[in-house]
Amino acid sequence: MNVQETVDKYQKVMEIAAKIPKEWGQWISCDKGWYDIIIELDKQLTYLIPNYYPTQIKEKFGELRYYWEPELPIDPMLVDIAEACVRDAEYKASKTCEICGDCSYMGT
């Protein structure tokens, strides 16, 4: 990955962090190896629920935790689909090195 790609990815992650309400603290607490997973998940959730917002994005006990809320009213079926996307992203992160993004060492 070249420098510009790294900068672009970091900017996307900072845009996601800016969606977090200020009272939650607008930060993402994980290393860059999971940034692609977080960016893709944000795209999916924004597509499903354009007015969603994350409340916390962090590593906890070696796993990605992605907490979010929809602005109401919302179709419960969309919430179920969004939660499935979050679970999928958290699973992908469990098979991906948080530091470098490599998943080959996990046998995937």
PDB file of N, CA and C in Angstrom:
ATOM      1  N   MET A   1       0.847  -1.171   0.000  1.00  0.00           N
ATOM      2  CA  MET A   1       0.000   0.000   0.000  1.00  0.00           C
ATOM      3  C   MET A   1       0.896   1.239   0.000  1.00  0.00           C
ATOM      4  N   ASN A   2       0.569   2.197  -0.864  1.00  0.00           N
ATOM      5  CA  ASN A   2       1.385   3.398  -0.907  1.00  0.00           C
ATOM      6  C   ASN A   2       0.918   4.410   0.132  1.00  0.00           C
ATOM      7  N   VAL A   3       1.655   5.492   0.248  1.00  0.00           N
ATOM      8  CA  VAL A   3       1.370   6.495   1.271  1.00  0.00           C
ATOM      9  C   VAL A   3      -0.019   7.110   1.070  1.00  0.00           C
ATOM     10  N   GLN A   4      -0.375   7.421  -0.181  1.00  0.00           N
ATOM     11  CA  GLN A   4      -1.675   8.046  -0.430  1.00  0.00           C
ATOM     12  C   GLN A   4      -2.824   7.121  -0.047  1.00  0.00           C
ATOM     13  N   GLU A   5      -2.693   5.835  -0.321  1.00  0.00           N
ATOM     14  CA  GLU A   5      -3.732   4.878   0.073  1.00  0.00           C
ATOM     15  C   GLU A   5      -3.871   4.828   1.590  1.00  0.00           C
ATOM     16  N   THR A   6      -2.753   4.883   2.280  1.00  0.00           N
ATOM     17  CA  THR A   6      -2.769   4.887   3.743  1.00  0.00           C
ATOM     18  C   THR A   6      -3.470   6.134   4.268  1.00  0.00           C
ATOM     19  N   VAL A   7      -3.150   7.281   3.700  1.00  0.00           N
ATOM     20  CA  VAL A   7      -3.778   8.543   4.103  1.00  0.00           C
ATOM     21  C   VAL A   7      -5.278   8.502   3.831  1.00  0.00           C
ATOM     22  N   ASP A   8      -5.671   8.016   2.656  1.00  0.00           N
ATOM     23  CA  ASP A   8      -7.094   7.927   2.307  1.00  0.00           C
ATOM     24  C   ASP A   8      -7.852   7.035   3.285  1.00  0.00           C
ATOM     25  N   LYS A   9      -7.262   5.910   3.621  1.00  0.00           N
ATOM     26  CA  LYS A   9      -7.904   4.972   4.548  1.00  0.00           C
ATOM     27  C   LYS A   9      -8.054   5.617   5.931  1.00  0.00           C
ATOM     28  N   TYR A  10      -7.004   6.286   6.385  1.00  0.00           N
ATOM     29  CA  TYR A  10      -7.053   6.949   7.688  1.00  0.00           C
ATOM     30  C   TYR A  10      -8.135   8.032   7.693  1.00  0.00           C
ATOM     31  N   GLN A  11      -8.246   8.798   6.599  1.00  0.00           N
ATOM     32  CA  GLN A  11      -9.273   9.837   6.517  1.00  0.00           C
ATOM     33  C   GLN A  11     -10.676   9.233   6.596  1.00  0.00           C
ATOM     34  N   LYS A  12     -10.891   8.105   5.933  1.00  0.00           N
ATOM     35  CA  LYS A  12     -12.198   7.443   5.991  1.00  0.00           C
ATOM     36  C   LYS A  12     -12.519   7.014   7.419  1.00  0.00           C
ATOM     37  N   VAL A  13     -11.526   6.477   8.113  1.00  0.00           N
ATOM     38  CA  VAL A  13     -11.733   6.049   9.496  1.00  0.00           C
ATOM     39  C   VAL A  13     -12.038   7.255  10.384  1.00  0.00           C
ATOM     40  N   MET A  14     -11.362   8.373  10.136  1.00  0.00           N
ATOM     41  CA  MET A  14     -11.627   9.578  10.924  1.00  0.00           C
ATOM     42  C   MET A  14     -13.039  10.118  10.642  1.00  0.00           C
ATOM     43  N   GLU A  15     -13.517   9.980   9.417  1.00  0.00           N
ATOM     44  CA  GLU A  15     -14.885  10.378   9.095  1.00  0.00           C
ATOM     45  C   GLU A  15     -15.891   9.511   9.847  1.00  0.00           C
ATOM     46  N   ILE A  16     -15.600   8.240   9.966  1.00  0.00           N
ATOM     47  CA  ILE A  16     -16.467   7.341  10.734  1.00  0.00           C
ATOM     48  C   ILE A  16     -16.440   7.743  12.207  1.00  0.00           C
ATOM     49  N   ALA A  17     -15.263   8.021  12.734  1.00  0.00           N
ATOM     50  CA  ALA A  17     -15.140   8.449  14.138  1.00  0.00           C
ATOM     51  C   ALA A  17     -15.925   9.734  14.385  1.00  0.00           C
ATOM     52  N   ALA A  18     -15.960  10.617  13.396  1.00  0.00           N
ATOM     53  CA  ALA A  18     -16.685  11.882  13.554  1.00  0.00           C
ATOM     54  C   ALA A  18     -18.196  11.677  13.659  1.00  0.00           C
ATOM     55  N   LYS A  19     -18.697  10.519  13.229  1.00  0.00           N
ATOM     56  CA  LYS A  19     -20.132  10.215  13.362  1.00  0.00           C
ATOM     57  C   LYS A  19     -20.505   9.872  14.809  1.00  0.00           C
ATOM     58  N   ILE A  20     -19.522   9.466  15.595  1.00  0.00           N
ATOM     59  CA  ILE A  20     -19.786   9.084  16.983  1.00  0.00           C
ATOM     60  C   ILE A  20     -20.177  10.341  17.760  1.00  0.00           C
ATOM     61  N   PRO A  21     -21.276  10.299  18.514  1.00  0.00           N
ATOM     62  CA  PRO A  21     -21.660  11.473  19.301  1.00  0.00           C
ATOM     63  C   PRO A  21     -20.535  11.907  20.243  1.00  0.00           C
ATOM     64  N   LYS A  22     -20.384  13.213  20.387  1.00  0.00           N
ATOM     65  CA  LYS A  22     -19.280  13.752  21.193  1.00  0.00           C
ATOM     66  C   LYS A  22     -19.289  13.222  22.619  1.00  0.00           C
ATOM     67  N   GLU A  23     -20.474  12.988  23.170  1.00  0.00           N
ATOM     68  CA  GLU A  23     -20.526  12.506  24.557  1.00  0.00           C
ATOM     69  C   GLU A  23     -19.960  11.091  24.713  1.00  0.00           C
ATOM     70  N   TRP A  24     -19.850  10.348  23.612  1.00  0.00           N
ATOM     71  CA  TRP A  24     -19.253   9.016  23.653  1.00  0.00           C
ATOM     72  C   TRP A  24     -17.744   9.073  23.468  1.00  0.00           C
ATOM     73  N   GLY A  25     -17.246  10.190  22.989  1.00  0.00           N
ATOM     74  CA  GLY A  25     -15.820  10.304  22.659  1.00  0.00           C
ATOM     75  C   GLY A  25     -15.617   9.870  21.226  1.00  0.00           C
ATOM     76  N   GLN A  26     -15.215  10.763  20.392  1.00  0.00           N
ATOM     77  CA  GLN A  26     -15.119  10.484  18.959  1.00  0.00           C
ATOM     78  C   GLN A  26     -13.765   9.858  18.627  1.00  0.00           C
ATOM     79  N   TRP A  27     -13.607   8.608  18.998  1.00  0.00           N
ATOM     80  CA  TRP A  27     -12.364   7.892  18.732  1.00  0.00           C
ATOM     81  C   TRP A  27     -12.671   6.448  18.390  1.00  0.00           C
ATOM     82  N   ILE A  28     -11.730   5.853  17.691  1.00  0.00           N
ATOM     83  CA  ILE A  28     -11.792   4.432  17.359  1.00  0.00           C
ATOM     84  C   ILE A  28     -10.565   3.802  17.986  1.00  0.00           C
ATOM     85  N   SER A  29     -10.778   2.812  18.813  1.00  0.00           N
ATOM     86  CA  SER A  29      -9.688   2.221  19.574  1.00  0.00           C
ATOM     87  C   SER A  29      -9.334   0.829  19.059  1.00  0.00           C
ATOM     88  N   CYS A  30      -8.639   0.821  17.918  1.00  0.00           N
ATOM     89  CA  CYS A  30      -8.074  -0.417  17.396  1.00  0.00           C
ATOM     90  C   CYS A  30      -6.964  -0.033  16.425  1.00  0.00           C
ATOM     91  N   ASP A  31      -6.170  -1.005  16.051  1.00  0.00           N
ATOM     92  CA  ASP A  31      -5.071  -0.737  15.134  1.00  0.00           C
ATOM     93  C   ASP A  31      -5.519  -0.805  13.682  1.00  0.00           C
ATOM     94  N   LYS A  32      -4.646  -0.350  12.806  1.00  0.00           N
ATOM     95  CA  LYS A  32      -4.965  -0.168  11.392  1.00  0.00           C
ATOM     96  C   LYS A  32      -5.274  -1.454  10.636  1.00  0.00           C
ATOM     97  N   GLY A  33      -4.923  -2.608  11.187  1.00  0.00           N
ATOM     98  CA  GLY A  33      -5.217  -3.867  10.511  1.00  0.00           C
ATOM     99  C   GLY A  33      -6.703  -4.123  10.340  1.00  0.00           C
ATOM    100  N   TRP A  34      -7.518  -3.492  11.152  1.00  0.00           N
ATOM    101  CA  TRP A  34      -8.970  -3.669  11.071  1.00  0.00           C
ATOM    102  C   TRP A  34      -9.658  -2.523  10.329  1.00  0.00           C
ATOM    103  N   TYR A  35      -8.914  -1.540   9.877  1.00  0.00           N
ATOM    104  CA  TYR A  35      -9.538  -0.382   9.231  1.00  0.00           C
ATOM    105  C   TYR A  35     -10.378  -0.772   8.016  1.00  0.00           C
ATOM    106  N   ASP A  36      -9.883  -1.680   7.168  1.00  0.00           N
ATOM    107  CA  ASP A  36     -10.666  -2.081   5.992  1.00  0.00           C
ATOM    108  C   ASP A  36     -12.008  -2.689   6.403  1.00  0.00           C
ATOM    109  N   ILE A  37     -11.998  -3.482   7.454  1.00  0.00           N
ATOM    110  CA  ILE A  37     -13.233  -4.107   7.947  1.00  0.00           C
ATOM    111  C   ILE A  37     -14.205  -3.035   8.443  1.00  0.00           C
ATOM    112  N   ILE A  38     -13.699  -2.070   9.178  1.00  0.00           N
ATOM    113  CA  ILE A  38     -14.535  -0.993   9.722  1.00  0.00           C
ATOM    114  C   ILE A  38     -15.098  -0.131   8.594  1.00  0.00           C
ATOM    115  N   ILE A  39     -14.280   0.196   7.614  1.00  0.00           N
ATOM    116  CA  ILE A  39     -14.730   1.011   6.484  1.00  0.00           C
ATOM    117  C   ILE A  39     -15.823   0.291   5.706  1.00  0.00           C
ATOM    118  N   GLU A  40     -15.615  -0.986   5.437  1.00  0.00           N
ATOM    119  CA  GLU A  40     -16.625  -1.761   4.700  1.00  0.00           C
ATOM    120  C   GLU A  40     -17.929  -1.860   5.499  1.00  0.00           C
ATOM    121  N   LEU A  41     -17.830  -2.093   6.795  1.00  0.00           N
ATOM    122  CA  LEU A  41     -19.032  -2.178   7.631  1.00  0.00           C
ATOM    123  C   LEU A  41     -19.781  -0.849   7.628  1.00  0.00           C
ATOM    124  N   ASP A  42     -19.064   0.250   7.726  1.00  0.00           N
ATOM    125  CA  ASP A  42     -19.719   1.557   7.688  1.00  0.00           C
ATOM    126  C   ASP A  42     -20.469   1.753   6.375  1.00  0.00           C
ATOM    127  N   LYS A  43     -19.870   1.335   5.260  1.00  0.00           N
ATOM    128  CA  LYS A  43     -20.551   1.428   3.964  1.00  0.00           C
ATOM    129  C   LYS A  43     -21.846   0.619   3.976  1.00  0.00           C
ATOM    130  N   GLN A  44     -21.786  -0.600   4.503  1.00  0.00           N
ATOM    131  CA  GLN A  44     -22.967  -1.456   4.553  1.00  0.00           C
ATOM    132  C   GLN A  44     -24.065  -0.843   5.415  1.00  0.00           C
ATOM    133  N   LEU A  45     -23.686  -0.377   6.609  1.00  0.00           N
ATOM    134  CA  LEU A  45     -24.687   0.193   7.512  1.00  0.00           C
ATOM    135  C   LEU A  45     -25.275   1.481   6.959  1.00  0.00           C
ATOM    136  N   THR A  46     -24.449   2.301   6.329  1.00  0.00           N
ATOM    137  CA  THR A  46     -24.938   3.547   5.739  1.00  0.00           C
ATOM    138  C   THR A  46     -25.901   3.259   4.597  1.00  0.00           C
ATOM    139  N   TYR A  47     -25.631   2.212   3.839  1.00  0.00           N
ATOM    140  CA  TYR A  47     -26.534   1.816   2.759  1.00  0.00           C
ATOM    141  C   TYR A  47     -27.889   1.373   3.330  1.00  0.00           C
ATOM    142  N   LEU A  48     -27.844   0.564   4.376  1.00  0.00           N
ATOM    143  CA  LEU A  48     -29.075   0.044   4.974  1.00  0.00           C
ATOM    144  C   LEU A  48     -29.845   1.110   5.748  1.00  0.00           C
ATOM    145  N   ILE A  49     -29.098   1.879   6.541  1.00  0.00           N
ATOM    146  CA  ILE A  49     -29.701   2.845   7.465  1.00  0.00           C
ATOM    147  C   ILE A  49     -28.887   4.137   7.362  1.00  0.00           C
ATOM    148  N   PRO A  50     -29.219   4.994   6.412  1.00  0.00           N
ATOM    149  CA  PRO A  50     -28.392   6.178   6.166  1.00  0.00           C
ATOM    150  C   PRO A  50     -28.175   7.077   7.386  1.00  0.00           C
ATOM    151  N   ASN A  51     -29.094   7.063   8.330  1.00  0.00           N
ATOM    152  CA  ASN A  51     -28.952   7.931   9.499  1.00  0.00           C
ATOM    153  C   ASN A  51     -28.452   7.185  10.743  1.00  0.00           C
ATOM    154  N   TYR A  52     -27.784   6.056  10.541  1.00  0.00           N
ATOM    155  CA  TYR A  52     -27.215   5.336  11.690  1.00  0.00           C
ATOM    156  C   TYR A  52     -25.997   6.110  12.201  1.00  0.00           C
ATOM    157  N   TYR A  53     -25.620   5.821  13.431  1.00  0.00           N
ATOM    158  CA  TYR A  53     -24.362   6.381  13.939  1.00  0.00           C
ATOM    159  C   TYR A  53     -23.718   5.371  14.883  1.00  0.00           C
ATOM    160  N   PRO A  54     -22.385   5.253  14.786  1.00  0.00           N
ATOM    161  CA  PRO A  54     -21.688   4.377  15.729  1.00  0.00           C
ATOM    162  C   PRO A  54     -21.591   5.078  17.090  1.00  0.00           C
ATOM    163  N   THR A  55     -21.583   4.287  18.150  1.00  0.00           N
ATOM    164  CA  THR A  55     -21.371   4.855  19.490  1.00  0.00           C
ATOM    165  C   THR A  55     -20.011   4.467  20.048  1.00  0.00           C
ATOM    166  N   GLN A  56     -19.525   3.285  19.684  1.00  0.00           N
ATOM    167  CA  GLN A  56     -18.188   2.847  20.086  1.00  0.00           C
ATOM    168  C   GLN A  56     -17.649   1.879  19.045  1.00  0.00           C
ATOM    169  N   ILE A  57     -16.373   2.034  18.728  1.00  0.00           N
ATOM    170  CA  ILE A  57     -15.683   1.089  17.847  1.00  0.00           C
ATOM    171  C   ILE A  57     -14.349   0.832  18.524  1.00  0.00           C
ATOM    172  N   LYS A  58     -14.146  -0.423  18.951  1.00  0.00           N
ATOM    173  CA  LYS A  58     -12.950  -0.684  19.739  1.00  0.00           C
ATOM    174  C   LYS A  58     -12.571  -2.154  19.709  1.00  0.00           C
ATOM    175  N   GLU A  59     -11.371  -2.397  20.177  1.00  0.00           N
ATOM    176  CA  GLU A  59     -10.901  -3.756  20.435  1.00  0.00           C
ATOM    177  C   GLU A  59     -11.155  -4.029  21.906  1.00  0.00           C
ATOM    178  N   LYS A  60     -11.719  -5.186  22.184  1.00  0.00           N
ATOM    179  CA  LYS A  60     -11.918  -5.596  23.571  1.00  0.00           C
ATOM    180  C   LYS A  60     -11.703  -7.098  23.643  1.00  0.00           C
ATOM    181  N   PHE A  61     -10.797  -7.524  24.500  1.00  0.00           N
ATOM    182  CA  PHE A  61     -10.455  -8.934  24.657  1.00  0.00           C
ATOM    183  C   PHE A  61     -10.043  -9.559  23.326  1.00  0.00           C
ATOM    184  N   GLY A  62      -9.335  -8.778  22.491  1.00  0.00           N
ATOM    185  CA  GLY A  62      -8.830  -9.278  21.223  1.00  0.00           C
ATOM    186  C   GLY A  62      -9.862  -9.345  20.107  1.00  0.00           C
ATOM    187  N   GLU A  63     -11.036  -8.790  20.340  1.00  0.00           N
ATOM    188  CA  GLU A  63     -12.098  -8.835  19.336  1.00  0.00           C
ATOM    189  C   GLU A  63     -12.592  -7.427  19.022  1.00  0.00           C
ATOM    190  N   LEU A  64     -13.059  -7.242  17.790  1.00  0.00           N
ATOM    191  CA  LEU A  64     -13.666  -5.980  17.391  1.00  0.00           C
ATOM    192  C   LEU A  64     -15.038  -5.872  18.033  1.00  0.00           C
ATOM    193  N   ARG A  65     -15.312  -4.715  18.586  1.00  0.00           N
ATOM    194  CA  ARG A  65     -16.639  -4.392  19.105  1.00  0.00           C
ATOM    195  C   ARG A  65     -17.117  -3.161  18.356  1.00  0.00           C
ATOM    196  N   TYR A  66     -18.260  -3.271  17.705  1.00  0.00           N
ATOM    197  CA  TYR A  66     -18.826  -2.169  16.918  1.00  0.00           C
ATOM    198  C   TYR A  66     -20.236  -1.937  17.416  1.00  0.00           C
ATOM    199  N   TYR A  67     -20.409  -0.894  18.206  1.00  0.00           N
ATOM    200  CA  TYR A  67     -21.708  -0.555  18.769  1.00  0.00           C
ATOM    201  C   TYR A  67     -22.297   0.606  17.968  1.00  0.00           C
ATOM    202  N   TRP A  68     -23.588   0.532  17.689  1.00  0.00           N
ATOM    203  CA  TRP A  68     -24.211   1.551  16.853  1.00  0.00           C
ATOM    204  C   TRP A  68     -25.661   1.739  17.247  1.00  0.00           C
ATOM    205  N   GLU A  69     -26.241   2.817  16.745  1.00  0.00           N
ATOM    206  CA  GLU A  69     -27.655   3.123  16.983  1.00  0.00           C
ATOM    207  C   GLU A  69     -28.264   3.660  15.692  1.00  0.00           C
ATOM    208  N   PRO A  70     -29.512   3.338  15.430  1.00  0.00           N
ATOM    209  CA  PRO A  70     -30.214   3.985  14.323  1.00  0.00           C
ATOM    210  C   PRO A  70     -30.983   5.191  14.858  1.00  0.00           C
ATOM    211  N   GLU A  71     -31.162   6.184  14.016  1.00  0.00           N
ATOM    212  CA  GLU A  71     -32.109   7.228  14.387  1.00  0.00           C
ATOM    213  C   GLU A  71     -33.489   6.662  14.095  1.00  0.00           C
ATOM    214  N   LEU A  72     -34.411   6.899  14.979  1.00  0.00           N
ATOM    215  CA  LEU A  72     -35.748   6.328  14.851  1.00  0.00           C
ATOM    216  C   LEU A  72     -36.636   7.226  14.020  1.00  0.00           C
ATOM    217  N   PRO A  73     -37.689   6.742  13.406  1.00  0.00           N
ATOM    218  CA  PRO A  73     -38.153   5.354  13.368  1.00  0.00           C
ATOM    219  C   PRO A  73     -37.350   4.540  12.357  1.00  0.00           C
ATOM    220  N   ILE A  74     -37.353   3.236  12.556  1.00  0.00           N
ATOM    221  CA  ILE A  74     -36.574   2.345  11.699  1.00  0.00           C
ATOM    222  C   ILE A  74     -37.319   1.025  11.546  1.00  0.00           C
ATOM    223  N   ASP A  75     -37.223   0.444  10.389  1.00  0.00           N
ATOM    224  CA  ASP A  75     -37.819  -0.868  10.117  1.00  0.00           C
ATOM    225  C   ASP A  75     -37.021  -1.922  10.895  1.00  0.00           C
ATOM    226  N   PRO A  76     -37.676  -2.694  11.755  1.00  0.00           N
ATOM    227  CA  PRO A  76     -36.966  -3.709  12.545  1.00  0.00           C
ATOM    228  C   PRO A  76     -36.190  -4.716  11.680  1.00  0.00           C
ATOM    229  N   MET A  77     -36.686  -4.983  10.479  1.00  0.00           N
ATOM    230  CA  MET A  77     -35.975  -5.913   9.604  1.00  0.00           C
ATOM    231  C   MET A  77     -34.607  -5.343   9.199  1.00  0.00           C
ATOM    232  N   LEU A  78     -34.540  -4.035   8.973  1.00  0.00           N
ATOM    233  CA  LEU A  78     -33.260  -3.412   8.647  1.00  0.00           C
ATOM    234  C   LEU A  78     -32.286  -3.499   9.820  1.00  0.00           C
ATOM    235  N   VAL A  79     -32.809  -3.369  11.012  1.00  0.00           N
ATOM    236  CA  VAL A  79     -31.964  -3.508  12.207  1.00  0.00           C
ATOM    237  C   VAL A  79     -31.388  -4.921  12.272  1.00  0.00           C
ATOM    238  N   ASP A  80     -32.206  -5.919  11.999  1.00  0.00           N
ATOM    239  CA  ASP A  80     -31.727  -7.303  12.008  1.00  0.00           C
ATOM    240  C   ASP A  80     -30.638  -7.525  10.966  1.00  0.00           C
ATOM    241  N   ILE A  81     -30.830  -6.986   9.771  1.00  0.00           N
ATOM    242  CA  ILE A  81     -29.827  -7.132   8.720  1.00  0.00           C
ATOM    243  C   ILE A  81     -28.544  -6.408   9.110  1.00  0.00           C
ATOM    244  N   ALA A  82     -28.686  -5.205   9.660  1.00  0.00           N
ATOM    245  CA  ALA A  82     -27.518  -4.437  10.091  1.00  0.00           C
ATOM    246  C   ALA A  82     -26.753  -5.184  11.183  1.00  0.00           C
ATOM    247  N   GLU A  83     -27.460  -5.771  12.122  1.00  0.00           N
ATOM    248  CA  GLU A  83     -26.800  -6.535  13.187  1.00  0.00           C
ATOM    249  C   GLU A  83     -26.052  -7.738  12.617  1.00  0.00           C
ATOM    250  N   ALA A  84     -26.602  -8.358  11.582  1.00  0.00           N
ATOM    251  CA  ALA A  84     -25.903  -9.464  10.929  1.00  0.00           C
ATOM    252  C   ALA A  84     -24.620  -8.966  10.269  1.00  0.00           C
ATOM    253  N   CYS A  85     -24.656  -7.791   9.678  1.00  0.00           N
ATOM    254  CA  CYS A  85     -23.452  -7.199   9.084  1.00  0.00           C
ATOM    255  C   CYS A  85     -22.395  -6.938  10.157  1.00  0.00           C
ATOM    256  N   VAL A  86     -22.831  -6.444  11.304  1.00  0.00           N
ATOM    257  CA  VAL A  86     -21.897  -6.183  12.406  1.00  0.00           C
ATOM    258  C   VAL A  86     -21.276  -7.492  12.884  1.00  0.00           C
ATOM    259  N   ARG A  87     -22.085  -8.515  13.074  1.00  0.00           N
ATOM    260  CA  ARG A  87     -21.552  -9.814  13.521  1.00  0.00           C
ATOM    261  C   ARG A  87     -20.551 -10.369  12.508  1.00  0.00           C
ATOM    262  N   ASP A  88     -20.846 -10.213  11.216  1.00  0.00           N
ATOM    263  CA  ASP A  88     -19.937 -10.678  10.173  1.00  0.00           C
ATOM    264  C   ASP A  88     -18.606  -9.920  10.237  1.00  0.00           C
ATOM    265  N   ALA A  89     -18.667  -8.621  10.401  1.00  0.00           N
ATOM    266  CA  ALA A  89     -17.441  -7.822  10.501  1.00  0.00           C
ATOM    267  C   ALA A  89     -16.634  -8.207  11.743  1.00  0.00           C
ATOM    268  N   GLU A  90     -17.317  -8.412  12.847  1.00  0.00           N
ATOM    269  CA  GLU A  90     -16.621  -8.806  14.076  1.00  0.00           C
ATOM    270  C   GLU A  90     -15.970 -10.181  13.896  1.00  0.00           C
ATOM    271  N   TYR A  91     -16.633 -11.068  13.184  1.00  0.00           N
ATOM    272  CA  TYR A  91     -16.044 -12.382  12.904  1.00  0.00           C
ATOM    273  C   TYR A  91     -14.807 -12.234  12.015  1.00  0.00           C
ATOM    274  N   LYS A  92     -14.922 -11.439  10.946  1.00  0.00           N
ATOM    275  CA  LYS A  92     -13.769 -11.207  10.070  1.00  0.00           C
ATOM    276  C   LYS A  92     -12.590 -10.659  10.862  1.00  0.00           C
ATOM    277  N   ALA A  93     -12.861  -9.725  11.754  1.00  0.00           N
ATOM    278  CA  ALA A  93     -11.789  -9.150  12.564  1.00  0.00           C
ATOM    279  C   ALA A  93     -11.143 -10.205  13.457  1.00  0.00           C
ATOM    280  N   SER A  94     -11.929 -11.171  13.920  1.00  0.00           N
ATOM    281  CA  SER A  94     -11.368 -12.219  14.788  1.00  0.00           C
ATOM    282  C   SER A  94     -10.391 -13.107  14.034  1.00  0.00           C
ATOM    283  N   LYS A  95     -10.452 -13.080  12.708  1.00  0.00           N
ATOM    284  CA  LYS A  95      -9.566 -13.880  11.861  1.00  0.00           C
ATOM    285  C   LYS A  95      -8.505 -13.019  11.178  1.00  0.00           C
ATOM    286  N   THR A  96      -8.408 -11.752  11.573  1.00  0.00           N
ATOM    287  CA  THR A  96      -7.505 -10.797  10.934  1.00  0.00           C
ATOM    288  C   THR A  96      -6.598 -10.170  11.974  1.00  0.00           C
ATOM    289  N   CYS A  97      -5.320 -10.049  11.647  1.00  0.00           N
ATOM    290  CA  CYS A  97      -4.379  -9.395  12.555  1.00  0.00           C
ATOM    291  C   CYS A  97      -4.759  -7.923  12.694  1.00  0.00           C
ATOM    292  N   GLU A  98      -4.967  -7.495  13.904  1.00  0.00           N
ATOM    293  CA  GLU A  98      -5.359  -6.115  14.173  1.00  0.00           C
ATOM    294  C   GLU A  98      -4.259  -5.127  13.788  1.00  0.00           C
ATOM    295  N   ILE A  99      -3.034  -5.557  13.818  1.00  0.00           N
ATOM    296  CA  ILE A  99      -1.910  -4.656  13.546  1.00  0.00           C
ATOM    297  C   ILE A  99      -1.638  -4.518  12.054  1.00  0.00           C
ATOM    298  N   CYS A 100      -1.536  -5.649  11.344  1.00  0.00           N
ATOM    299  CA  CYS A 100      -1.123  -5.583   9.930  1.00  0.00           C
ATOM    300  C   CYS A 100      -2.238  -5.899   8.938  1.00  0.00           C
ATOM    301  N   GLY A 101      -3.352  -6.461   9.394  1.00  0.00           N
ATOM    302  CA  GLY A 101      -4.450  -6.792   8.494  1.00  0.00           C
ATOM    303  C   GLY A 101      -4.309  -8.139   7.818  1.00  0.00           C
ATOM    304  N   ASP A 102      -3.264  -8.884   8.126  1.00  0.00           N
ATOM    305  CA  ASP A 102      -3.031 -10.185   7.518  1.00  0.00           C
ATOM    306  C   ASP A 102      -3.975 -11.216   8.137  1.00  0.00           C
ATOM    307  N   CYS A 103      -4.553 -12.046   7.288  1.00  0.00           N
ATOM    308  CA  CYS A 103      -5.410 -13.100   7.820  1.00  0.00           C
ATOM    309  C   CYS A 103      -4.841 -14.479   7.482  1.00  0.00           C
ATOM    310  N   SER A 104      -3.723 -14.544   6.783  1.00  0.00           N
ATOM    311  CA  SER A 104      -3.188 -15.845   6.391  1.00  0.00           C
ATOM    312  C   SER A 104      -2.688 -16.663   7.571  1.00  0.00           C
ATOM    313  N   TYR A 105      -2.231 -16.007   8.619  1.00  0.00           N
ATOM    314  CA  TYR A 105      -1.723 -16.744   9.769  1.00  0.00           C
ATOM    315  C   TYR A 105      -2.852 -17.429  10.534  1.00  0.00           C
ATOM    316  N   MET A 106      -4.098 -17.009  10.273  1.00  0.00           N
ATOM    317  CA  MET A 106      -5.247 -17.590  10.968  1.00  0.00           C
ATOM    318  C   MET A 106      -5.823 -18.775  10.206  1.00  0.00           C
ATOM    319  N   GLY A 107      -5.242 -19.103   9.053  1.00  0.00           N
ATOM    320  CA  GLY A 107      -5.745 -20.229   8.288  1.00  0.00           C
ATOM    321  C   GLY A 107      -6.996 -19.918   7.513  1.00  0.00           C
ATOM    322  N   THR A 108      -7.222 -18.621   7.210  1.00  0.00           N
ATOM    323  CA  THR A 108      -8.421 -18.251   6.441  1.00  0.00           C
ATOM    324  C   THR A 108      -8.051 -17.860   5.033  1.00  0.00           C
TER     325      THR A 108
END
